[in-house]
């Protein structure tokens, strides 16, 4: 093959591989993660105060 053709093929392959790293994917999970991030960045007290969890009593059984 001619050097010019090999160079064009190599440039095309490098271009396709670079799209995998730099292109913004259109995945639903990324959209959900951005929404969760935007929701949680408004919370200044942490998740403990955001989500109220009812604590159940702990029963310690001892063998005597």
PDB file of N, CA and C in Angstrom:
ATOM      1  N   UNK A   1       0.837  -1.184   0.000  1.00  0.00           N
ATOM      2  CA  UNK A   1       0.000   0.000   0.000  1.00  0.00           C
ATOM      3  C   UNK A   1       0.876   1.239   0.000  1.00  0.00           C
ATOM      4  N   UNK A   2       0.286   2.273  -0.489  1.00  0.00           N
ATOM      5  CA  UNK A   2       0.977   3.550  -0.524  1.00  0.00           C
ATOM      6  C   UNK A   2       1.032   4.137   0.892  1.00  0.00           C
ATOM      7  N   UNK A   3       2.051   4.890   1.168  1.00  0.00           N
ATOM      8  CA  UNK A   3       2.233   5.485   2.492  1.00  0.00           C
ATOM      9  C   UNK A   3       1.095   6.446   2.821  1.00  0.00           C
ATOM     10  N   UNK A   4       0.605   7.159   1.829  1.00  0.00           N
ATOM     11  CA  UNK A   4      -0.477   8.109   2.045  1.00  0.00           C
ATOM     12  C   UNK A   4      -1.762   7.393   2.457  1.00  0.00           C
ATOM     13  N   UNK A   5      -2.047   6.253   1.855  1.00  0.00           N
ATOM     14  CA  UNK A   5      -3.240   5.477   2.208  1.00  0.00           C
ATOM     15  C   UNK A   5      -3.114   4.917   3.616  1.00  0.00           C
ATOM     16  N   UNK A   6      -1.930   4.397   3.964  1.00  0.00           N
ATOM     17  CA  UNK A   6      -1.705   3.879   5.319  1.00  0.00           C
ATOM     18  C   UNK A   6      -1.882   4.983   6.353  1.00  0.00           C
ATOM     19  N   UNK A   7      -1.375   6.172   6.029  1.00  0.00           N
ATOM     20  CA  UNK A   7      -1.490   7.300   6.952  1.00  0.00           C
ATOM     21  C   UNK A   7      -2.956   7.692   7.140  1.00  0.00           C
ATOM     22  N   UNK A   8      -3.730   7.709   6.069  1.00  0.00           N
ATOM     23  CA  UNK A   8      -5.154   8.047   6.176  1.00  0.00           C
ATOM     24  C   UNK A   8      -5.918   7.006   6.984  1.00  0.00           C
ATOM     25  N   UNK A   9      -5.592   5.732   6.815  1.00  0.00           N
ATOM     26  CA  UNK A   9      -6.242   4.676   7.599  1.00  0.00           C
ATOM     27  C   UNK A   9      -5.894   4.824   9.074  1.00  0.00           C
ATOM     28  N   UNK A  10      -4.627   5.105   9.370  1.00  0.00           N
ATOM     29  CA  UNK A  10      -4.198   5.263  10.756  1.00  0.00           C
ATOM     30  C   UNK A  10      -4.866   6.482  11.387  1.00  0.00           C
ATOM     31  N   UNK A  11      -4.971   7.580  10.646  1.00  0.00           N
ATOM     32  CA  UNK A  11      -5.630   8.778  11.172  1.00  0.00           C
ATOM     33  C   UNK A  11      -7.102   8.490  11.457  1.00  0.00           C
ATOM     34  N   UNK A  12      -7.744   7.736  10.580  1.00  0.00           N
ATOM     35  CA  UNK A  12      -9.144   7.373  10.800  1.00  0.00           C
ATOM     36  C   UNK A  12      -9.328   6.531  12.044  1.00  0.00           C
ATOM     37  N   UNK A  13      -8.433   5.570  12.261  1.00  0.00           N
ATOM     38  CA  UNK A  13      -8.533   4.720  13.452  1.00  0.00           C
ATOM     39  C   UNK A  13      -8.275   5.513  14.724  1.00  0.00           C
ATOM     40  N   UNK A  14      -7.295   6.416  14.695  1.00  0.00           N
ATOM     41  CA  UNK A  14      -7.006   7.250  15.868  1.00  0.00           C
ATOM     42  C   UNK A  14      -8.193   8.159  16.160  1.00  0.00           C
ATOM     43  N   UNK A  15      -8.822   8.676  15.121  1.00  0.00           N
ATOM     44  CA  UNK A  15      -9.985   9.542  15.306  1.00  0.00           C
ATOM     45  C   UNK A  15     -11.134   8.776  15.962  1.00  0.00           C
ATOM     46  N   UNK A  16     -11.402   7.573  15.497  1.00  0.00           N
ATOM     47  CA  UNK A  16     -12.487   6.758  16.067  1.00  0.00           C
ATOM     48  C   UNK A  16     -12.186   6.402  17.521  1.00  0.00           C
ATOM     49  N   UNK A  17     -10.936   6.072  17.823  1.00  0.00           N
ATOM     50  CA  UNK A  17     -10.573   5.742  19.203  1.00  0.00           C
ATOM     51  C   UNK A  17     -10.660   6.968  20.105  1.00  0.00           C
ATOM     52  N   UNK A  18     -10.325   8.145  19.584  1.00  0.00           N
ATOM     53  CA  UNK A  18     -10.389   9.350  20.408  1.00  0.00           C
ATOM     54  C   UNK A  18     -11.831   9.724  20.724  1.00  0.00           C
ATOM     55  N   UNK A  19     -12.765   9.377  19.854  1.00  0.00           N
ATOM     56  CA  UNK A  19     -14.173   9.657  20.147  1.00  0.00           C
ATOM     57  C   UNK A  19     -14.647   8.888  21.366  1.00  0.00           C
ATOM     58  N   UNK A  20     -14.103   7.719  21.588  1.00  0.00           N
ATOM     59  CA  UNK A  20     -14.495   6.929  22.758  1.00  0.00           C
ATOM     60  C   UNK A  20     -14.106   7.624  24.054  1.00  0.00           C
ATOM     61  N   UNK A  21     -13.018   8.393  24.029  1.00  0.00           N
ATOM     62  CA  UNK A  21     -12.552   9.052  25.247  1.00  0.00           C
ATOM     63  C   UNK A  21     -13.174  10.430  25.442  1.00  0.00           C
ATOM     64  N   UNK A  22     -13.416  11.156  24.364  1.00  0.00           N
ATOM     65  CA  UNK A  22     -13.785  12.560  24.499  1.00  0.00           C
ATOM     66  C   UNK A  22     -15.230  12.872  24.140  1.00  0.00           C
ATOM     67  N   UNK A  23     -15.952  11.947  23.545  1.00  0.00           N
ATOM     68  CA  UNK A  23     -17.334  12.204  23.189  1.00  0.00           C
ATOM     69  C   UNK A  23     -18.211  12.053  24.424  1.00  0.00           C
ATOM     70  N   UNK A  24     -19.205  12.899  24.555  1.00  0.00           N
ATOM     71  CA  UNK A  24     -20.119  12.811  25.684  1.00  0.00           C
ATOM     72  C   UNK A  24     -21.151  11.725  25.400  1.00  0.00           C
ATOM     73  N   UNK A  25     -21.206  10.700  26.231  1.00  0.00           N
ATOM     74  CA  UNK A  25     -22.162   9.623  25.984  1.00  0.00           C
ATOM     75  C   UNK A  25     -23.585  10.051  26.331  1.00  0.00           C
ATOM     76  N   UNK A  26     -24.539   9.458  25.684  1.00  0.00           N
ATOM     77  CA  UNK A  26     -25.949   9.762  25.915  1.00  0.00           C
ATOM     78  C   UNK A  26     -26.607   8.660  26.733  1.00  0.00           C
ATOM     79  N   UNK A  27     -26.002   8.264  27.810  1.00  0.00           N
ATOM     80  CA  UNK A  27     -26.533   7.180  28.618  1.00  0.00           C
ATOM     81  C   UNK A  27     -27.530   7.710  29.633  1.00  0.00           C
ATOM     82  N   UNK A  28     -28.556   6.928  29.897  1.00  0.00           N
ATOM     83  CA  UNK A  28     -29.564   7.286  30.887  1.00  0.00           C
ATOM     84  C   UNK A  28     -28.952   7.358  32.282  1.00  0.00           C
ATOM     85  N   UNK A  29     -27.982   6.478  32.565  1.00  0.00           N
ATOM     86  CA  UNK A  29     -27.382   6.447  33.903  1.00  0.00           C
ATOM     87  C   UNK A  29     -26.620   7.727  34.200  1.00  0.00           C
ATOM     88  N   UNK A  30     -25.957   8.304  33.188  1.00  0.00           N
ATOM     89  CA  UNK A  30     -25.253   9.559  33.409  1.00  0.00           C
ATOM     90  C   UNK A  30     -26.238  10.683  33.700  1.00  0.00           C
ATOM     91  N   UNK A  31     -27.388  10.670  33.049  1.00  0.00           N
ATOM     92  CA  UNK A  31     -28.412  11.674  33.304  1.00  0.00           C
ATOM     93  C   UNK A  31     -28.948  11.533  34.720  1.00  0.00           C
ATOM     94  N   UNK A  32     -29.181  10.307  35.147  1.00  0.00           N
ATOM     95  CA  UNK A  32     -29.656  10.076  36.512  1.00  0.00           C
ATOM     96  C   UNK A  32     -28.606  10.498  37.530  1.00  0.00           C
ATOM     97  N   UNK A  33     -27.347  10.191  37.264  1.00  0.00           N
ATOM     98  CA  UNK A  33     -26.277  10.559  38.191  1.00  0.00           C
ATOM     99  C   UNK A  33     -26.153  12.072  38.301  1.00  0.00           C
ATOM    100  N   UNK A  34     -26.295  12.788  37.195  1.00  0.00           N
ATOM    101  CA  UNK A  34     -26.248  14.245  37.250  1.00  0.00           C
ATOM    102  C   UNK A  34     -27.417  14.800  38.055  1.00  0.00           C
ATOM    103  N   UNK A  35     -28.597  14.207  37.900  1.00  0.00           N
ATOM    104  CA  UNK A  35     -29.754  14.653  38.665  1.00  0.00           C
ATOM    105  C   UNK A  35     -29.585  14.407  40.154  1.00  0.00           C
ATOM    106  N   UNK A  36     -29.070  13.253  40.514  1.00  0.00           N
ATOM    107  CA  UNK A  36     -28.823  12.937  41.925  1.00  0.00           C
ATOM    108  C   UNK A  36     -27.759  13.863  42.492  1.00  0.00           C
ATOM    109  N   UNK A  37     -26.724  14.140  41.714  1.00  0.00           N
ATOM    110  CA  UNK A  37     -25.669  15.049  42.169  1.00  0.00           C
ATOM    111  C   UNK A  37     -26.237  16.443  42.411  1.00  0.00           C
ATOM    112  N   UNK A  38     -27.054  16.941  41.484  1.00  0.00           N
ATOM    113  CA  UNK A  38     -27.629  18.275  41.645  1.00  0.00           C
ATOM    114  C   UNK A  38     -28.568  18.334  42.840  1.00  0.00           C
ATOM    115  N   UNK A  39     -29.262  17.250  43.128  1.00  0.00           N
ATOM    116  CA  UNK A  39     -30.130  17.204  44.298  1.00  0.00           C
ATOM    117  C   UNK A  39     -29.318  17.209  45.588  1.00  0.00           C
ATOM    118  N   UNK A  40     -28.271  16.389  45.631  1.00  0.00           N
ATOM    119  CA  UNK A  40     -27.508  16.241  46.867  1.00  0.00           C
ATOM    120  C   UNK A  40     -26.551  17.398  47.125  1.00  0.00           C
ATOM    121  N   UNK A  41     -26.182  18.151  46.098  1.00  0.00           N
ATOM    122  CA  UNK A  41     -25.258  19.258  46.347  1.00  0.00           C
ATOM    123  C   UNK A  41     -25.942  20.400  47.085  1.00  0.00           C
ATOM    124  N   UNK A  42     -27.278  20.404  47.115  1.00  0.00           N
ATOM    125  CA  UNK A  42     -28.015  21.418  47.854  1.00  0.00           C
ATOM    126  C   UNK A  42     -28.075  21.123  49.347  1.00  0.00           C
ATOM    127  N   UNK A  43     -27.773  19.905  49.729  1.00  0.00           N
ATOM    128  CA  UNK A  43     -27.848  19.493  51.127  1.00  0.00           C
ATOM    129  C   UNK A  43     -26.543  19.866  51.819  1.00  0.00           C
ATOM    130  N   UNK A  44     -26.647  20.659  52.859  1.00  0.00           N
ATOM    131  CA  UNK A  44     -25.447  21.100  53.564  1.00  0.00           C
ATOM    132  C   UNK A  44     -25.222  20.342  54.868  1.00  0.00           C
ATOM    133  N   UNK A  45     -26.206  19.546  55.286  1.00  0.00           N
ATOM    134  CA  UNK A  45     -26.087  18.857  56.566  1.00  0.00           C
ATOM    135  C   UNK A  45     -25.672  17.409  56.426  1.00  0.00           C
ATOM    136  N   UNK A  46     -25.577  16.914  55.223  1.00  0.00           N
ATOM    137  CA  UNK A  46     -25.196  15.525  55.026  1.00  0.00           C
ATOM    138  C   UNK A  46     -26.410  14.639  54.843  1.00  0.00           C
ATOM    139  N   UNK A  47     -26.154  13.418  54.481  1.00  0.00           N
ATOM    140  CA  UNK A  47     -27.243  12.480  54.208  1.00  0.00           C
ATOM    141  C   UNK A  47     -27.936  12.000  55.468  1.00  0.00           C
ATOM    142  N   UNK A  48     -27.255  12.058  56.607  1.00  0.00           N
ATOM    143  CA  UNK A  48     -27.852  11.567  57.849  1.00  0.00           C
ATOM    144  C   UNK A  48     -29.088  12.384  58.192  1.00  0.00           C
ATOM    145  N   UNK A  49     -29.014  13.695  58.033  1.00  0.00           N
ATOM    146  CA  UNK A  49     -30.165  14.538  58.332  1.00  0.00           C
ATOM    147  C   UNK A  49     -31.157  14.590  57.176  1.00  0.00           C
ATOM    148  N   UNK A  50     -30.731  14.274  55.974  1.00  0.00           N
ATOM    149  CA  UNK A  50     -31.617  14.303  54.808  1.00  0.00           C
ATOM    150  C   UNK A  50     -32.573  13.119  54.817  1.00  0.00           C
ATOM    151  N   UNK A  51     -32.062  11.958  55.132  1.00  0.00           N
ATOM    152  CA  UNK A  51     -32.875  10.740  55.167  1.00  0.00           C
ATOM    153  C   UNK A  51     -33.045  10.346  56.626  1.00  0.00           C
ATOM    154  N   UNK A  52     -34.263  10.458  57.123  1.00  0.00           N
ATOM    155  CA  UNK A  52     -34.536  10.096  58.513  1.00  0.00           C
ATOM    156  C   UNK A  52     -34.792   8.595  58.588  1.00  0.00           C
ATOM    157  N   UNK A  53     -33.949   7.904  59.303  1.00  0.00           N
ATOM    158  CA  UNK A  53     -34.081   6.462  59.467  1.00  0.00           C
ATOM    159  C   UNK A  53     -34.496   6.198  60.901  1.00  0.00           C
ATOM    160  N   UNK A  54     -35.589   5.464  61.053  1.00  0.00           N
ATOM    161  CA  UNK A  54     -36.030   5.115  62.399  1.00  0.00           C
ATOM    162  C   UNK A  54     -35.115   4.032  62.935  1.00  0.00           C
ATOM    163  N   UNK A  55     -34.506   4.326  64.052  1.00  0.00           N
ATOM    164  CA  UNK A  55     -33.608   3.331  64.642  1.00  0.00           C
ATOM    165  C   UNK A  55     -34.427   2.353  65.473  1.00  0.00           C
ATOM    166  N   UNK A  56     -34.124   1.101  65.300  1.00  0.00           N
ATOM    167  CA  UNK A  56     -34.797   0.067  66.064  1.00  0.00           C
ATOM    168  C   UNK A  56     -33.954  -0.244  67.292  1.00  0.00           C
ATOM    169  N   UNK A  57     -34.612  -0.568  68.403  1.00  0.00           N
ATOM    170  CA  UNK A  57     -33.835  -0.875  69.604  1.00  0.00           C
ATOM    171  C   UNK A  57     -32.998  -2.140  69.406  1.00  0.00           C
ATOM    172  N   UNK A  58     -31.831  -2.106  69.974  1.00  0.00           N
ATOM    173  CA  UNK A  58     -30.920  -3.248  69.884  1.00  0.00           C
ATOM    174  C   UNK A  58     -31.050  -4.054  71.169  1.00  0.00           C
ATOM    175  N   UNK A  59     -31.338  -5.317  71.014  1.00  0.00           N
ATOM    176  CA  UNK A  59     -31.467  -6.191  72.168  1.00  0.00           C
ATOM    177  C   UNK A  59     -30.195  -7.016  72.290  1.00  0.00           C
ATOM    178  N   UNK A  60     -29.557  -6.888  73.423  1.00  0.00           N
ATOM    179  CA  UNK A  60     -28.359  -7.679  73.689  1.00  0.00           C
ATOM    180  C   UNK A  60     -28.748  -8.868  74.558  1.00  0.00           C
ATOM    181  N   UNK A  61     -28.582 -10.028  74.030  1.00  0.00           N
ATOM    182  CA  UNK A  61     -28.877 -11.239  74.786  1.00  0.00           C
ATOM    183  C   UNK A  61     -27.562 -11.812  75.294  1.00  0.00           C
ATOM    184  N   UNK A  62     -27.497 -11.986  76.576  1.00  0.00           N
ATOM    185  CA  UNK A  62     -26.278 -12.547  77.153  1.00  0.00           C
ATOM    186  C   UNK A  62     -26.578 -13.933  77.697  1.00  0.00           C
ATOM    187  N   UNK A  63     -25.616 -14.795  77.566  1.00  0.00           N
ATOM    188  CA  UNK A  63     -25.726 -16.141  78.122  1.00  0.00           C
ATOM    189  C   UNK A  63     -25.060 -16.145  79.484  1.00  0.00           C
ATOM    190  N   UNK A  64     -25.768 -16.710  80.478  1.00  0.00           N
ATOM    191  CA  UNK A  64     -25.139 -16.770  81.798  1.00  0.00           C
ATOM    192  C   UNK A  64     -24.931 -18.186  82.244  1.00  0.00           C
TER     193      UNK A  64
END
